Amino acid sequence: MTCGTATPPLAAMRKIDWKALSKRIGHADVAFTMKQYVQTDLEADRQVANTLAQLIIGGSLAAQAIADETDDRSGSAT
């Protein structure tokens, strides 16, 4: 919580005109307003991190890198 108010639901925050909100509540800087009212959804952050880890370590990104490397080697031999 900030300034005694609860953080609005994430869906509502996606539709906010941050500049208008900042001006209405008397903040001089939109970045300050966003820092006060936008909080990272830790579960969503974990899901993103896990997905990236899976892709990089053992998923399609790793497979694509290997395929690209193989194509480069076979292409240069011709």
N, C-alpha and C. Protein backbone atom coordinates (compact mmCIF):
# COMPACT_ATOMS: atom_id res chain seq x y z
N MET A 1 0.83 -1.19 0.00
CA MET A 1 0.00 0.00 0.00
C MET A 1 0.87 1.25 0.00
N THR A 2 0.35 2.28 -0.61
CA THR A 2 1.05 3.54 -0.68
C THR A 2 0.09 4.65 -0.32
N CYS A 3 0.53 5.57 0.50
CA CYS A 3 -0.29 6.71 0.89
C CYS A 3 -1.64 6.28 1.45
N GLY A 4 -1.70 5.12 2.09
CA GLY A 4 -2.94 4.66 2.70
C GLY A 4 -3.96 4.13 1.72
N THR A 5 -3.57 3.90 0.48
CA THR A 5 -4.52 3.37 -0.51
C THR A 5 -4.06 2.02 -0.98
N ALA A 6 -5.01 1.20 -1.36
CA ALA A 6 -4.69 -0.13 -1.89
C ALA A 6 -4.30 0.01 -3.36
N THR A 7 -3.44 -0.87 -3.82
CA THR A 7 -3.07 -0.89 -5.23
C THR A 7 -4.25 -1.38 -6.03
N PRO A 8 -4.62 -0.68 -7.12
CA PRO A 8 -5.76 -1.11 -7.93
C PRO A 8 -5.47 -2.45 -8.61
N PRO A 9 -6.51 -3.18 -9.00
CA PRO A 9 -6.31 -4.46 -9.70
C PRO A 9 -5.49 -4.25 -10.98
N LEU A 10 -4.72 -5.25 -11.33
CA LEU A 10 -3.82 -5.16 -12.49
C LEU A 10 -4.58 -4.82 -13.77
N ALA A 11 -5.75 -5.42 -13.98
CA ALA A 11 -6.52 -5.16 -15.19
C ALA A 11 -6.89 -3.69 -15.29
N ALA A 12 -7.26 -3.08 -14.18
CA ALA A 12 -7.62 -1.66 -14.18
C ALA A 12 -6.40 -0.80 -14.46
N MET A 13 -5.24 -1.19 -13.94
CA MET A 13 -4.03 -0.41 -14.11
C MET A 13 -3.57 -0.38 -15.56
N ARG A 14 -3.88 -1.41 -16.34
CA ARG A 14 -3.45 -1.46 -17.74
C ARG A 14 -4.13 -0.38 -18.57
N LYS A 15 -5.31 0.08 -18.13
CA LYS A 15 -6.08 1.03 -18.91
C LYS A 15 -5.93 2.46 -18.42
N ILE A 16 -5.08 2.70 -17.46
CA ILE A 16 -4.94 4.03 -16.86
C ILE A 16 -4.11 4.95 -17.75
N ASP A 17 -4.57 6.19 -17.90
CA ASP A 17 -3.77 7.24 -18.53
C ASP A 17 -2.90 7.80 -17.41
N TRP A 18 -1.67 7.32 -17.34
CA TRP A 18 -0.80 7.64 -16.22
C TRP A 18 -0.49 9.13 -16.12
N LYS A 19 -0.38 9.80 -17.25
CA LYS A 19 -0.11 11.24 -17.23
C LYS A 19 -1.28 12.00 -16.61
N ALA A 20 -2.50 11.65 -17.01
CA ALA A 20 -3.69 12.30 -16.46
C ALA A 20 -3.83 12.01 -14.97
N LEU A 21 -3.57 10.76 -14.57
CA LEU A 21 -3.65 10.41 -13.15
C LEU A 21 -2.62 11.19 -12.35
N SER A 22 -1.41 11.26 -12.85
CA SER A 22 -0.34 11.96 -12.17
C SER A 22 -0.71 13.43 -11.95
N LYS A 23 -1.23 14.04 -12.99
CA LYS A 23 -1.63 15.45 -12.90
C LYS A 23 -2.77 15.62 -11.90
N ARG A 24 -3.77 14.74 -11.95
CA ARG A 24 -4.94 14.85 -11.09
C ARG A 24 -4.57 14.73 -9.61
N ILE A 25 -3.64 13.87 -9.28
CA ILE A 25 -3.31 13.69 -7.86
C ILE A 25 -2.14 14.56 -7.41
N GLY A 26 -1.66 15.42 -8.32
CA GLY A 26 -0.69 16.42 -7.92
C GLY A 26 0.77 16.00 -7.98
N HIS A 27 1.06 14.93 -8.69
CA HIS A 27 2.46 14.54 -8.86
C HIS A 27 3.04 15.29 -10.05
N ALA A 28 4.25 15.76 -9.91
CA ALA A 28 4.91 16.49 -10.99
C ALA A 28 5.49 15.55 -12.04
N ASP A 29 5.71 14.30 -11.68
CA ASP A 29 6.40 13.36 -12.55
C ASP A 29 5.60 12.07 -12.69
N VAL A 30 5.30 11.68 -13.93
CA VAL A 30 4.55 10.45 -14.18
C VAL A 30 5.31 9.23 -13.67
N ALA A 31 6.62 9.24 -13.80
CA ALA A 31 7.42 8.11 -13.34
C ALA A 31 7.26 7.91 -11.83
N PHE A 32 7.18 9.01 -11.08
CA PHE A 32 6.96 8.91 -9.64
C PHE A 32 5.62 8.25 -9.35
N THR A 33 4.59 8.67 -10.06
CA THR A 33 3.25 8.09 -9.86
C THR A 33 3.28 6.59 -10.12
N MET A 34 3.90 6.20 -11.22
CA MET A 34 3.95 4.78 -11.57
C MET A 34 4.72 3.99 -10.53
N LYS A 35 5.81 4.54 -10.03
CA LYS A 35 6.59 3.84 -9.01
C LYS A 35 5.77 3.63 -7.74
N GLN A 36 4.88 4.57 -7.45
CA GLN A 36 4.07 4.48 -6.24
C GLN A 36 2.94 3.47 -6.37
N TYR A 37 2.35 3.34 -7.57
CA TYR A 37 1.13 2.56 -7.72
C TYR A 37 1.28 1.27 -8.51
N VAL A 38 2.37 1.09 -9.21
CA VAL A 38 2.57 -0.13 -9.97
C VAL A 38 3.52 -1.03 -9.20
N GLN A 39 3.05 -2.21 -8.90
CA GLN A 39 3.89 -3.17 -8.20
C GLN A 39 4.01 -4.42 -9.07
N THR A 40 5.18 -5.01 -9.03
CA THR A 40 5.41 -6.21 -9.81
C THR A 40 4.60 -7.36 -9.25
N ASP A 41 3.93 -8.05 -10.13
CA ASP A 41 3.22 -9.26 -9.73
C ASP A 41 4.27 -10.37 -9.66
N LEU A 42 4.67 -10.74 -8.44
CA LEU A 42 5.77 -11.68 -8.26
C LEU A 42 5.49 -13.03 -8.89
N GLU A 43 4.26 -13.50 -8.84
CA GLU A 43 3.95 -14.80 -9.46
C GLU A 43 4.11 -14.72 -10.97
N ALA A 44 3.64 -13.65 -11.59
CA ALA A 44 3.81 -13.47 -13.03
C ALA A 44 5.28 -13.37 -13.38
N ASP A 45 6.05 -12.69 -12.55
CA ASP A 45 7.49 -12.56 -12.77
C ASP A 45 8.17 -13.93 -12.70
N ARG A 46 7.77 -14.74 -11.74
CA ARG A 46 8.33 -16.10 -11.63
C ARG A 46 8.00 -16.94 -12.86
N GLN A 47 6.76 -16.82 -13.34
CA GLN A 47 6.36 -17.59 -14.52
C GLN A 47 7.19 -17.20 -15.74
N VAL A 48 7.41 -15.90 -15.91
CA VAL A 48 8.23 -15.43 -17.03
C VAL A 48 9.65 -15.96 -16.89
N ALA A 49 10.21 -15.88 -15.70
CA ALA A 49 11.57 -16.37 -15.48
C ALA A 49 11.67 -17.87 -15.75
N ASN A 50 10.70 -18.64 -15.29
CA ASN A 50 10.71 -20.08 -15.52
C ASN A 50 10.57 -20.41 -16.99
N THR A 51 9.70 -19.71 -17.68
CA THR A 51 9.53 -19.95 -19.11
C THR A 51 10.80 -19.65 -19.88
N LEU A 52 11.42 -18.51 -19.57
CA LEU A 52 12.68 -18.17 -20.24
C LEU A 52 13.77 -19.20 -19.94
N ALA A 53 13.85 -19.63 -18.70
CA ALA A 53 14.85 -20.63 -18.33
C ALA A 53 14.63 -21.92 -19.10
N GLN A 54 13.38 -22.34 -19.20
CA GLN A 54 13.09 -23.57 -19.94
C GLN A 54 13.46 -23.43 -21.41
N LEU A 55 13.15 -22.28 -21.99
CA LEU A 55 13.47 -22.06 -23.40
C LEU A 55 14.97 -22.00 -23.64
N ILE A 56 15.68 -21.33 -22.76
CA ILE A 56 17.11 -21.15 -22.94
C ILE A 56 17.89 -22.42 -22.64
N ILE A 57 17.56 -23.08 -21.53
CA ILE A 57 18.33 -24.24 -21.09
C ILE A 57 18.01 -25.49 -21.89
N GLY A 58 16.73 -25.78 -22.07
CA GLY A 58 16.44 -27.05 -22.72
C GLY A 58 15.35 -26.98 -23.73
N GLY A 59 14.94 -25.80 -24.07
CA GLY A 59 13.79 -25.68 -24.94
C GLY A 59 14.15 -25.28 -26.35
N SER A 60 13.24 -24.60 -26.97
CA SER A 60 13.36 -24.29 -28.38
C SER A 60 14.48 -23.30 -28.69
N LEU A 61 14.81 -22.39 -27.77
CA LEU A 61 15.90 -21.47 -28.04
C LEU A 61 17.23 -22.21 -28.13
N ALA A 62 17.44 -23.15 -27.21
CA ALA A 62 18.68 -23.92 -27.25
C ALA A 62 18.72 -24.78 -28.51
N ALA A 63 17.61 -25.39 -28.84
CA ALA A 63 17.56 -26.22 -30.04
C ALA A 63 17.79 -25.37 -31.29
N GLN A 64 17.22 -24.18 -31.34
CA GLN A 64 17.40 -23.29 -32.48
C GLN A 64 18.85 -22.87 -32.61
N ALA A 65 19.50 -22.56 -31.50
CA ALA A 65 20.91 -22.16 -31.53
C ALA A 65 21.77 -23.28 -32.07
N ILE A 66 21.50 -24.50 -31.65
CA ILE A 66 22.26 -25.66 -32.14
C ILE A 66 22.03 -25.85 -33.63
N ALA A 67 20.76 -25.72 -34.05
CA ALA A 67 20.44 -25.87 -35.47
C ALA A 67 21.12 -24.79 -36.30
N ASP A 68 21.11 -23.56 -35.81
CA ASP A 68 21.77 -22.47 -36.53
C ASP A 68 23.26 -22.72 -36.64
N GLU A 69 23.86 -23.19 -35.56
CA GLU A 69 25.30 -23.45 -35.56
C GLU A 69 25.63 -24.57 -36.55
N THR A 70 24.79 -25.59 -36.58
CA THR A 70 25.00 -26.71 -37.51
C THR A 70 24.86 -26.23 -38.95
N ASP A 71 23.84 -25.40 -39.23
CA ASP A 71 23.65 -24.86 -40.57
C ASP A 71 24.84 -24.01 -41.00
N ASP A 72 25.36 -23.21 -40.07
CA ASP A 72 26.51 -22.36 -40.39
C ASP A 72 27.72 -23.21 -40.75
N ARG A 73 27.95 -24.28 -40.02
CA ARG A 73 29.10 -25.15 -40.29
C ARG A 73 28.95 -25.86 -41.62
N SER A 74 27.75 -26.37 -41.89
CA SER A 74 27.57 -27.10 -43.15
C SER A 74 27.58 -26.14 -44.33
N GLY A 75 27.12 -24.91 -44.14
CA GLY A 75 27.12 -23.92 -45.21
C GLY A 75 28.51 -23.44 -45.56
N SER A 76 29.38 -23.35 -44.56
CA SER A 76 30.73 -22.85 -44.83
C SER A 76 31.61 -23.92 -45.46
N ALA A 77 31.20 -25.19 -45.34
CA ALA A 77 32.00 -26.27 -45.92
C ALA A 77 31.76 -26.39 -47.42
N THR A 78 30.70 -25.77 -47.92
CA THR A 78 30.38 -25.90 -49.33
C THR A 78 31.14 -24.96 -50.19
